[in-house]
């Protein structure tokens, strides 16, 4: 499965708002380049992915979490 911190990050990245996602990232780094890139990527996801895309991503993650080999 996924470690809880990574699972939370993925959840926020796909389904959360930018503010909550960036707060989560800031808990692990204050490096301005990383924070800027995280914000850029989150904005891209929010503007490009459809709800169907997000559902597919979530389904893949659920299968990974359920896999006995992970």
C-alpha atoms as a PDB file:
ATOM      1  CA  UNK A   1       0.000   0.000   0.000  1.00  0.00           C
ATOM      2  CA  UNK A   2       0.891   3.649   0.192  1.00  0.00           C
ATOM      3  CA  UNK A   3       2.331   5.248   3.281  1.00  0.00           C
ATOM      4  CA  UNK A   4      -0.193   7.585   4.962  1.00  0.00           C
ATOM      5  CA  UNK A   5       1.717  10.779   4.105  1.00  0.00           C
ATOM      6  CA  UNK A   6       1.910   9.863   0.429  1.00  0.00           C
ATOM      7  CA  UNK A   7      -1.702   8.741   0.374  1.00  0.00           C
ATOM      8  CA  UNK A   8      -2.789  12.095   1.833  1.00  0.00           C
ATOM      9  CA  UNK A   9      -0.624  14.006  -0.647  1.00  0.00           C
ATOM     10  CA  UNK A  10      -2.109  12.137  -3.605  1.00  0.00           C
ATOM     11  CA  UNK A  11      -5.650  12.653  -2.292  1.00  0.00           C
ATOM     12  CA  UNK A  12      -5.077  16.395  -1.931  1.00  0.00           C
ATOM     13  CA  UNK A  13      -3.298  16.613  -5.279  1.00  0.00           C
ATOM     14  CA  UNK A  14      -6.148  14.957  -7.173  1.00  0.00           C
ATOM     15  CA  UNK A  15      -9.230  16.007  -5.199  1.00  0.00           C
ATOM     16  CA  UNK A  16      -8.215  18.794  -2.807  1.00  0.00           C
ATOM     17  CA  UNK A  17      -7.995  22.514  -3.290  1.00  0.00           C
ATOM     18  CA  UNK A  18      -4.700  24.304  -3.959  1.00  0.00           C
ATOM     19  CA  UNK A  19      -4.497  25.863  -0.492  1.00  0.00           C
ATOM     20  CA  UNK A  20      -4.812  22.531   1.336  1.00  0.00           C
ATOM     21  CA  UNK A  21      -2.416  20.770  -1.045  1.00  0.00           C
ATOM     22  CA  UNK A  22       0.248  23.456  -0.657  1.00  0.00           C
ATOM     23  CA  UNK A  23      -0.168  23.441   3.142  1.00  0.00           C
ATOM     24  CA  UNK A  24       0.520  19.720   3.064  1.00  0.00           C
ATOM     25  CA  UNK A  25       3.611  20.155   0.886  1.00  0.00           C
ATOM     26  CA  UNK A  26       4.870  22.955   3.169  1.00  0.00           C
ATOM     27  CA  UNK A  27       4.791  20.514   6.082  1.00  0.00           C
ATOM     28  CA  UNK A  28       7.654  18.671   4.380  1.00  0.00           C
ATOM     29  CA  UNK A  29       9.621  21.462   2.682  1.00  0.00           C
ATOM     30  CA  UNK A  30       9.992  25.226   2.593  1.00  0.00           C
ATOM     31  CA  UNK A  31      12.162  25.209  -0.532  1.00  0.00           C
ATOM     32  CA  UNK A  32      10.699  27.956  -2.749  1.00  0.00           C
ATOM     33  CA  UNK A  33      11.406  26.185  -6.050  1.00  0.00           C
ATOM     34  CA  UNK A  34       9.671  23.008  -4.867  1.00  0.00           C
ATOM     35  CA  UNK A  35       6.699  24.966  -3.542  1.00  0.00           C
ATOM     36  CA  UNK A  36       6.432  26.930  -6.786  1.00  0.00           C
ATOM     37  CA  UNK A  37       6.528  23.738  -8.839  1.00  0.00           C
ATOM     38  CA  UNK A  38       3.957  22.071  -6.558  1.00  0.00           C
ATOM     39  CA  UNK A  39       1.620  25.014  -7.066  1.00  0.00           C
ATOM     40  CA  UNK A  40       2.180  24.984 -10.839  1.00  0.00           C
ATOM     41  CA  UNK A  41       1.492  21.249 -11.059  1.00  0.00           C
ATOM     42  CA  UNK A  42      -1.612  21.486  -8.860  1.00  0.00           C
ATOM     43  CA  UNK A  43      -2.998  24.309 -11.002  1.00  0.00           C
ATOM     44  CA  UNK A  44      -2.362  22.206 -14.101  1.00  0.00           C
ATOM     45  CA  UNK A  45      -4.184  19.204 -12.611  1.00  0.00           C
ATOM     46  CA  UNK A  46      -7.110  21.367 -11.566  1.00  0.00           C
ATOM     47  CA  UNK A  47      -7.434  22.958 -14.993  1.00  0.00           C
ATOM     48  CA  UNK A  48      -6.745  19.923 -17.207  1.00  0.00           C
ATOM     49  CA  UNK A  49      -8.118  16.794 -15.532  1.00  0.00           C
ATOM     50  CA  UNK A  50     -11.797  16.005 -15.846  1.00  0.00           C
ATOM     51  CA  UNK A  51     -13.798  14.394 -13.068  1.00  0.00           C
ATOM     52  CA  UNK A  52     -13.637  11.174 -15.101  1.00  0.00           C
ATOM     53  CA  UNK A  53      -9.822  11.417 -15.216  1.00  0.00           C
ATOM     54  CA  UNK A  54      -9.728  11.910 -11.467  1.00  0.00           C
ATOM     55  CA  UNK A  55     -12.008   8.898 -10.946  1.00  0.00           C
ATOM     56  CA  UNK A  56      -9.712   6.713 -13.058  1.00  0.00           C
ATOM     57  CA  UNK A  57      -6.664   7.865 -11.091  1.00  0.00           C
ATOM     58  CA  UNK A  58      -8.437   7.185  -7.805  1.00  0.00           C
ATOM     59  CA  UNK A  59      -9.412   3.696  -8.984  1.00  0.00           C
ATOM     60  CA  UNK A  60      -5.797   2.869  -9.869  1.00  0.00           C
ATOM     61  CA  UNK A  61      -4.616   4.085  -6.466  1.00  0.00           C
ATOM     62  CA  UNK A  62      -7.278   1.976  -4.734  1.00  0.00           C
ATOM     63  CA  UNK A  63      -6.092  -1.102  -6.641  1.00  0.00           C
ATOM     64  CA  UNK A  64      -2.500  -0.374  -5.610  1.00  0.00           C
ATOM     65  CA  UNK A  65      -3.553  -0.042  -1.974  1.00  0.00           C
ATOM     66  CA  UNK A  66      -5.511  -3.290  -2.144  1.00  0.00           C
ATOM     67  CA  UNK A  67      -2.716  -5.266  -3.758  1.00  0.00           C
ATOM     68  CA  UNK A  68      -1.104  -7.839  -1.432  1.00  0.00           C
ATOM     69  CA  UNK A  69       2.253  -7.312  -3.162  1.00  0.00           C
ATOM     70  CA  UNK A  70       2.413  -3.630  -2.219  1.00  0.00           C
END
